[in-house]
Amino acid sequence: MTTPPTPAATPIQRTSRDPQVLRARLETWLRTAVGDPGATADDLAGTAANGMSSDTVLFRATWSDQDGTHDERLVARIAPDAADVPVFPSYDMRAQFETIRLVHELTDAPVPTPLWCEPDPAALGAPFFVMRRVDGQVPPDVLPYPFGDNWLYDADPADQRRLQDATVDALAAVHSIRDAATVFPFLDGRAEGDTPLRRHVAHTRNLANYVAAHGPISALITDGFEWLDRHWPDHESGPVLSWGDSRIGNVIYADFAPAALLDWEMAGLGPRELDVVWLFGSHLVFQHLTELLGLPGMPDFLRPGDVIERYAARTGHEPRDLDFYLVYAVLQWAIVLTRTGQRQVHFGEREAAADPDDYVFHKELLRSLLTD
């Protein structure tokens, strides 16, 4: 059988900010931050890497201080402009910065080195933080890596497995922080509920309501929350730091090993299963989209049993209630895809969907999980 051609990738607009204005404002802020009136911020560039939430700006900074002259390649993560249809209703950049800082300090999980956080929106028009840049490769979202014609898809199966196992190990390192509720109190209490999982799902329900306030949403999303209420686990494992968006598209890899775990907007507290299932559930969503186009994809990559076996060997914790957490992961994807669809309409990249189900590219997968 002839394999269908891979679709062409379409660039996605993430921001309407003027790069020249942003460069000047960033340089002005940098001079105050480092105490050097001659500091420079140059070579600003966006990134074609994944992520549609915060603005990611790459730049080169030079300055002098008591330690000498610095010439650094840095990254600024800026909360999105409210006019650019942000994915989430609010962005706590201080919490993201502190989460990365503590993971950097308390574990050997690879995260970028955090440098400064600026919560005052006066400098750039929105809060932001700055990290050192990490070089490497990221599995693409546009088009999703299982579609083919990219470095991960073309890699030797042994290297793909090495990447998979090393990613699970990095996730285990994130979860190794003891007494996470005490270390990360700023990640709790974003929604009501008598357990961390209850609060996590309530927070996601609030996100769904926020998306629904900006346009119709699929009935599958409502059905999904009702399914969760009917199938709530009898047991919740103790809360750990949940990365929240623990998928390989949010990792920079060097030689098939994680060099930096990125995108901590969805970080919170909750059972380990949230991240473990999100890791293979996100691949399941991409694999489903691939098969819809008649492409082979990567069916032997990030298989649930392999991920769970590796995680249990590293942590001693055997993930449970996988059906519940998989439905929850696939449901969250439906909410986020609906919001990113609304953003694409805003930027003129697509027409508004006549049927809100059309924003949910993996609707048949979600429907099958709710039925089964």
Protein backbone atom coordinates (compact mmCIF):
# COMPACT_ATOMS: atom_id res chain seq x y z
CA MET A 1 0.00 0.00 0.00
CA THR A 2 1.28 3.48 -0.84
CA THR A 3 1.90 5.66 2.20
CA PRO A 4 0.02 8.99 1.95
CA PRO A 5 2.23 12.08 1.69
CA THR A 6 2.96 13.94 4.90
CA PRO A 7 0.90 17.18 5.12
CA ALA A 8 2.77 20.49 4.99
CA ALA A 9 3.35 22.29 8.27
CA THR A 10 1.63 25.66 8.66
CA PRO A 11 3.36 28.26 10.87
CA ILE A 12 1.38 29.19 13.98
CA GLN A 13 1.25 32.78 15.21
CA ARG A 14 1.73 33.11 18.95
CA THR A 15 1.98 36.86 19.55
CA SER A 16 1.30 40.28 18.09
CA ARG A 17 4.14 41.99 19.97
CA ASP A 18 6.48 44.16 17.88
CA PRO A 19 9.98 42.60 18.11
CA GLN A 20 11.83 45.92 17.81
CA VAL A 21 9.81 47.53 20.58
CA LEU A 22 10.25 44.41 22.68
CA ARG A 23 14.04 44.45 22.16
CA ALA A 24 14.35 48.05 23.31
CA ARG A 25 12.22 47.49 26.39
CA LEU A 26 14.06 44.29 27.26
CA GLU A 27 17.41 46.07 27.01
CA THR A 28 16.21 48.89 29.23
CA TRP A 29 15.05 46.39 31.83
CA LEU A 30 18.29 44.40 31.61
CA ARG A 31 20.41 47.46 32.35
CA THR A 32 18.56 47.97 35.60
CA ALA A 33 18.51 44.28 36.50
CA VAL A 34 22.28 43.83 36.17
CA GLY A 35 23.25 47.35 37.23
CA ASP A 36 25.09 48.12 33.99
CA PRO A 37 23.93 51.09 31.86
CA GLY A 38 25.89 49.62 28.94
CA ALA A 39 24.19 46.23 28.95
CA THR A 40 22.78 45.11 25.60
CA ALA A 41 20.02 42.78 24.45
CA ASP A 42 20.42 41.80 20.80
CA ASP A 43 19.65 39.08 18.27
CA LEU A 44 16.06 38.74 19.40
CA ALA A 45 14.23 35.87 17.78
CA GLY A 46 11.07 33.92 18.32
CA THR A 47 11.11 30.17 18.26
CA ALA A 48 9.53 27.64 15.97
CA ALA A 49 9.63 25.15 18.83
CA ASN A 50 6.48 23.88 20.45
CA GLY A 51 4.20 25.63 22.86
CA MET A 52 1.45 28.14 22.19
CA SER A 53 0.96 29.50 25.68
CA SER A 54 3.59 32.00 26.82
CA ASP A 55 5.73 34.05 24.43
CA THR A 56 9.24 32.61 24.16
CA VAL A 57 11.95 35.09 23.10
CA LEU A 58 15.55 34.09 22.42
CA PHE A 59 18.18 36.79 22.78
CA ARG A 60 21.84 37.51 23.44
CA ALA A 61 22.75 39.65 26.45
CA THR A 62 26.03 41.32 27.33
CA TRP A 63 26.85 43.15 30.56
CA SER A 64 29.61 43.76 33.07
CA ASP A 65 29.58 43.47 36.85
CA GLN A 66 31.91 42.64 39.70
CA ASP A 67 32.34 39.14 38.30
CA GLY A 68 33.58 40.41 34.95
CA THR A 69 32.10 40.62 31.46
CA HIS A 70 29.18 38.40 30.50
CA ASP A 71 28.03 37.32 27.06
CA GLU A 72 25.05 35.01 27.46
CA ARG A 73 22.46 33.36 25.21
CA LEU A 74 19.21 33.69 27.13
CA VAL A 75 15.50 32.99 26.89
CA ALA A 76 12.66 35.16 28.15
CA ARG A 77 9.27 33.63 28.86
CA ILE A 78 6.64 36.37 28.75
CA ALA A 79 3.00 36.07 29.77
CA PRO A 80 0.83 36.45 26.66
CA ASP A 81 -0.98 39.65 25.84
CA ALA A 82 -4.66 39.48 26.77
CA ALA A 83 -5.54 40.51 23.21
CA ASP A 84 -3.76 37.45 21.77
CA VAL A 85 -6.34 34.93 23.03
CA PRO A 86 -4.19 33.32 25.75
CA VAL A 87 -4.69 29.61 26.36
CA PHE A 88 -5.11 30.02 30.12
CA PRO A 89 -7.07 32.70 31.98
CA SER A 90 -4.08 33.72 34.10
CA TYR A 91 -0.31 33.29 34.11
CA ASP A 92 1.62 33.23 37.38
CA MET A 93 5.14 33.78 36.07
CA ARG A 94 6.57 34.01 39.59
CA ALA A 95 5.17 30.56 40.39
CA GLN A 96 6.64 29.12 37.18
CA PHE A 97 10.02 30.67 37.95
CA GLU A 98 10.02 29.41 41.53
CA THR A 99 9.01 25.93 40.40
CA ILE A 100 11.89 25.74 37.93
CA ARG A 101 14.28 27.19 40.51
CA LEU A 102 13.34 24.60 43.13
CA VAL A 103 13.50 21.70 40.68
CA HIS A 104 16.93 22.97 39.63
CA GLU A 105 18.03 23.21 43.26
CA LEU A 106 16.50 20.05 44.72
CA THR A 107 16.80 17.43 41.96
CA ASP A 108 19.00 16.30 39.11
CA ALA A 109 16.10 16.71 36.66
CA PRO A 110 17.41 18.80 33.77
CA VAL A 111 15.78 22.24 33.70
CA PRO A 112 17.10 25.54 32.36
CA THR A 113 19.08 27.67 34.80
CA PRO A 114 16.68 30.38 36.01
CA LEU A 115 18.21 33.85 36.34
CA TRP A 116 15.67 36.60 36.94
CA CYS A 117 11.93 36.99 37.38
CA GLU A 118 10.14 40.28 36.75
CA PRO A 119 6.56 40.22 38.04
CA ASP A 120 5.98 43.92 37.28
CA PRO A 121 4.27 44.23 33.87
CA ALA A 122 5.61 47.78 33.44
CA ALA A 123 8.89 46.60 31.88
CA LEU A 124 7.60 44.55 28.92
CA GLY A 125 3.86 44.94 29.24
CA ALA A 126 3.49 41.60 31.05
CA PRO A 127 5.34 39.63 33.75
CA PHE A 128 8.23 37.47 32.56
CA PHE A 129 11.29 35.52 33.62
CA VAL A 130 14.69 34.86 32.06
CA MET A 131 16.67 31.61 31.85
CA ARG A 132 19.88 30.45 30.22
CA ARG A 133 19.35 28.96 26.80
CA VAL A 134 19.80 25.21 26.33
CA ASP A 135 20.80 23.78 22.97
CA GLY A 136 19.35 20.62 21.50
CA GLN A 137 16.44 19.21 19.54
CA VAL A 138 12.72 19.16 20.33
CA PRO A 139 10.26 16.62 18.88
CA PRO A 140 7.95 18.77 16.73
CA ASP A 141 4.29 19.45 17.36
CA VAL A 142 3.72 21.11 13.97
CA LEU A 143 3.49 18.73 12.33
CA PRO A 144 3.38 16.16 15.17
CA TYR A 145 6.49 14.00 15.27
CA PRO A 146 4.66 10.70 14.47
CA PHE A 147 3.75 12.17 11.06
CA GLY A 148 7.34 11.50 9.95
CA ASP A 149 10.11 13.48 8.27
CA ASN A 150 11.83 14.59 11.48
CA TRP A 151 14.83 13.60 13.57
CA LEU A 152 12.93 11.51 16.13
CA TYR A 153 10.80 9.60 13.64
CA ASP A 154 13.87 8.80 11.53
CA ALA A 155 15.99 7.71 14.50
CA ASP A 156 17.04 4.14 15.15
CA PRO A 157 14.48 2.31 17.37
CA ALA A 158 17.19 1.81 20.00
CA ASP A 159 17.70 5.59 20.20
CA GLN A 160 13.96 6.16 20.37
CA ARG A 161 13.77 3.76 23.29
CA ARG A 162 16.77 5.46 24.94
CA LEU A 163 14.96 8.80 24.68
CA GLN A 164 11.78 7.28 26.07
CA ASP A 165 13.47 5.71 29.08
CA ALA A 166 15.56 8.80 29.84
CA THR A 167 12.41 10.94 29.76
CA VAL A 168 10.67 8.66 32.26
CA ASP A 169 13.77 8.87 34.46
CA ALA A 170 13.66 12.68 34.34
CA LEU A 171 9.99 12.60 35.32
CA ALA A 172 10.83 10.32 38.24
CA ALA A 173 13.44 12.88 39.33
CA VAL A 174 10.82 15.65 39.32
CA HIS A 175 8.59 13.47 41.50
CA SER A 176 11.43 12.72 43.93
CA ILE A 177 11.01 15.99 45.86
CA ARG A 178 9.72 15.05 49.28
CA ASP A 179 6.79 16.80 50.96
CA ALA A 180 5.88 18.62 47.77
CA ALA A 181 2.86 20.29 49.36
CA THR A 182 5.17 22.09 51.78
CA VAL A 183 7.85 22.90 49.20
CA PHE A 184 5.37 24.21 46.61
CA PRO A 185 2.48 25.73 48.59
CA PHE A 186 2.00 28.36 45.88
CA LEU A 187 0.84 25.62 43.47
CA ASP A 188 -2.08 24.54 45.63
CA GLY A 189 -5.42 26.17 46.31
CA ARG A 190 -6.16 27.32 42.74
CA ALA A 191 -9.55 25.63 42.94
CA GLU A 192 -11.78 24.10 45.60
CA GLY A 193 -11.68 20.44 46.56
CA ASP A 194 -10.88 18.23 49.53
CA THR A 195 -7.93 16.41 47.88
CA PRO A 196 -5.16 17.47 45.48
CA LEU A 197 -6.78 15.48 42.65
CA ARG A 198 -10.19 17.03 43.33
CA ARG A 199 -8.60 20.48 43.20
CA HIS A 200 -6.70 19.61 40.03
CA VAL A 201 -9.84 18.51 38.19
CA ALA A 202 -11.79 21.51 39.52
CA HIS A 203 -9.04 23.77 38.16
CA THR A 204 -9.37 22.09 34.77
CA ARG A 205 -13.15 22.47 34.90
CA ASN A 206 -12.62 26.20 35.49
CA LEU A 207 -10.41 26.26 32.38
CA ALA A 208 -13.20 24.60 30.38
CA ASN A 209 -15.66 27.23 31.60
CA TYR A 210 -13.22 29.96 30.58
CA VAL A 211 -12.92 28.48 27.07
CA ALA A 212 -16.71 28.10 26.84
CA ALA A 213 -17.12 31.78 27.69
CA HIS A 214 -15.32 32.62 24.43
CA GLY A 215 -17.26 30.31 22.12
CA PRO A 216 -19.14 27.02 21.98
CA ILE A 217 -17.32 23.89 23.11
CA SER A 218 -17.82 20.25 22.28
CA ALA A 219 -20.42 18.32 24.26
CA LEU A 220 -17.70 15.69 24.65
CA ILE A 221 -15.99 17.99 27.16
CA THR A 222 -19.08 18.09 29.35
CA ASP A 223 -19.50 14.34 28.93
CA GLY A 224 -15.86 13.88 29.92
CA PHE A 225 -16.27 15.62 33.27
CA GLU A 226 -19.41 13.60 33.97
CA TRP A 227 -17.46 10.40 33.19
CA LEU A 228 -14.72 11.43 35.62
CA ASP A 229 -17.28 12.04 38.37
CA ARG A 230 -18.70 8.53 37.85
CA HIS A 231 -15.31 6.80 37.76
CA TRP A 232 -13.43 8.63 40.50
CA PRO A 233 -10.54 6.53 41.92
CA ASP A 234 -11.05 4.95 45.31
CA HIS A 235 -7.44 5.72 46.16
CA GLU A 236 -5.24 8.71 45.36
CA SER A 237 -1.49 8.41 45.69
CA GLY A 238 0.16 11.12 47.75
CA PRO A 239 0.72 14.45 46.02
CA VAL A 240 3.98 15.16 44.23
CA LEU A 241 5.10 18.09 42.16
CA SER A 242 3.22 17.57 38.90
CA TRP A 243 5.01 19.04 35.89
CA GLY A 244 1.57 19.19 34.29
CA ASP A 245 2.62 19.15 30.64
CA SER A 246 4.97 16.18 30.78
CA ARG A 247 5.27 15.32 27.12
CA ILE A 248 8.30 14.95 24.93
CA GLY A 249 7.36 18.03 22.90
CA ASN A 250 8.26 20.05 26.00
CA VAL A 251 11.76 18.61 26.29
CA ILE A 252 15.01 19.70 24.68
CA TYR A 253 17.09 16.60 23.90
CA ALA A 254 20.80 16.20 23.36
CA ASP A 255 21.95 12.82 22.06
CA PHE A 256 18.48 11.39 22.85
CA ALA A 257 18.66 12.39 26.52
CA PRO A 258 16.72 15.24 28.15
CA ALA A 259 18.75 18.44 28.39
CA ALA A 260 15.90 20.66 29.62
CA LEU A 261 12.31 20.14 30.75
CA LEU A 262 10.27 23.11 29.54
CA ASP A 263 6.83 24.71 29.88
CA TRP A 264 5.71 24.69 33.50
CA GLU A 265 2.46 26.67 33.09
CA MET A 266 0.40 23.64 34.08
CA ALA A 267 2.50 22.69 37.12
CA GLY A 268 0.58 21.79 40.24
CA LEU A 269 0.25 19.24 43.02
CA GLY A 270 -1.36 15.87 42.50
CA PRO A 271 -0.92 12.12 42.14
CA ARG A 272 2.04 10.81 40.15
CA GLU A 273 -0.34 9.31 37.63
CA LEU A 274 -1.18 12.76 36.26
CA ASP A 275 2.27 13.11 34.71
CA VAL A 276 2.92 9.46 33.91
CA VAL A 277 -0.30 9.06 31.95
CA TRP A 278 0.05 12.51 30.34
CA LEU A 279 3.38 11.36 28.93
CA PHE A 280 2.00 8.38 27.02
CA GLY A 281 -1.51 9.85 26.64
CA SER A 282 -0.17 12.82 24.69
CA HIS A 283 1.60 10.43 22.34
CA LEU A 284 -1.64 8.48 22.00
CA VAL A 285 -3.41 11.67 20.85
CA PHE A 286 -0.71 12.36 18.25
CA GLN A 287 -0.65 8.74 17.11
CA HIS A 288 -4.44 8.85 16.70
CA LEU A 289 -4.20 11.95 14.50
CA THR A 290 -1.49 10.24 12.46
CA GLU A 291 -3.57 7.14 11.84
CA LEU A 292 -6.57 9.26 10.81
CA LEU A 293 -4.47 10.39 7.86
CA GLY A 294 -3.53 6.83 6.99
CA LEU A 295 0.08 7.27 8.14
CA PRO A 296 1.85 4.56 10.16
CA GLY A 297 3.06 6.82 12.94
CA MET A 298 5.03 5.38 15.85
CA PRO A 299 2.85 2.66 17.41
CA ASP A 300 5.75 1.05 19.30
CA PHE A 301 6.87 4.29 20.94
CA LEU A 302 5.79 5.38 24.45
CA ARG A 303 3.58 2.34 24.91
CA PRO A 304 1.77 2.56 28.27
CA GLY A 305 3.13 -0.73 29.60
CA ASP A 306 6.73 0.23 28.81
CA VAL A 307 6.38 3.67 30.43
CA ILE A 308 4.73 2.26 33.55
CA GLU A 309 7.30 -0.51 33.93
CA ARG A 310 10.20 1.95 33.69
CA TYR A 311 8.59 4.42 36.09
CA ALA A 312 7.83 1.72 38.66
CA ALA A 313 11.41 0.44 38.46
CA ARG A 314 12.76 3.95 39.09
CA THR A 315 10.37 4.99 41.87
CA GLY A 316 8.89 1.87 43.42
CA HIS A 317 5.44 3.27 42.67
CA GLU A 318 3.12 1.23 40.45
CA PRO A 319 0.72 3.64 38.70
CA ARG A 320 -2.93 2.68 39.07
CA ASP A 321 -6.41 3.75 37.88
CA LEU A 322 -4.95 4.30 34.42
CA ASP A 323 -8.36 4.44 32.70
CA PHE A 324 -9.36 7.42 34.81
CA TYR A 325 -6.15 9.32 34.23
CA LEU A 326 -6.12 8.57 30.52
CA VAL A 327 -9.64 9.93 30.05
CA TYR A 328 -8.62 12.98 32.07
CA ALA A 329 -5.53 13.55 29.92
CA VAL A 330 -7.41 13.18 26.63
CA LEU A 331 -10.16 15.46 27.98
CA GLN A 332 -7.60 18.15 28.85
CA TRP A 333 -6.28 17.93 25.30
CA ALA A 334 -9.82 18.58 24.02
CA ILE A 335 -10.08 21.74 26.14
CA VAL A 336 -6.68 23.08 25.12
CA LEU A 337 -7.22 22.29 21.42
CA THR A 338 -10.53 24.13 21.53
CA ARG A 339 -8.82 27.19 22.96
CA THR A 340 -5.94 27.06 20.48
CA GLY A 341 -8.55 26.74 17.75
CA GLN A 342 -10.15 29.94 19.01
CA ARG A 343 -6.73 31.57 18.86
CA GLN A 344 -6.22 30.46 15.27
CA VAL A 345 -9.55 32.04 14.37
CA HIS A 346 -8.41 35.26 16.08
CA PHE A 347 -5.21 35.38 14.00
CA GLY A 348 -7.04 34.51 10.77
CA GLU A 349 -5.39 31.10 10.42
CA ARG A 350 -8.68 29.22 10.16
CA GLU A 351 -12.42 29.82 9.95
CA ALA A 352 -14.54 29.52 13.06
CA ALA A 353 -15.79 25.95 13.32
CA ALA A 354 -19.48 25.49 12.59
CA ASP A 355 -19.39 22.47 14.91
CA PRO A 356 -17.28 22.86 18.08
CA ASP A 357 -16.35 19.17 17.77
CA ASP A 358 -14.19 20.21 14.82
CA TYR A 359 -11.71 21.87 17.18
CA VAL A 360 -11.21 18.51 18.90
CA PHE A 361 -9.10 16.73 16.30
CA HIS A 362 -9.03 13.56 18.40
CA LYS A 363 -12.78 13.52 19.11
CA GLU A 364 -13.19 9.89 18.05
CA LEU A 365 -10.49 8.84 20.49
CA LEU A 366 -12.17 10.72 23.33
CA ARG A 367 -15.57 9.40 22.36
CA SER A 368 -14.29 5.82 22.33
CA LEU A 369 -12.73 6.20 25.77
CA LEU A 370 -15.93 7.60 27.23
CA THR A 371 -17.93 4.77 25.66
CA ASP A 372 -15.57 2.00 26.71
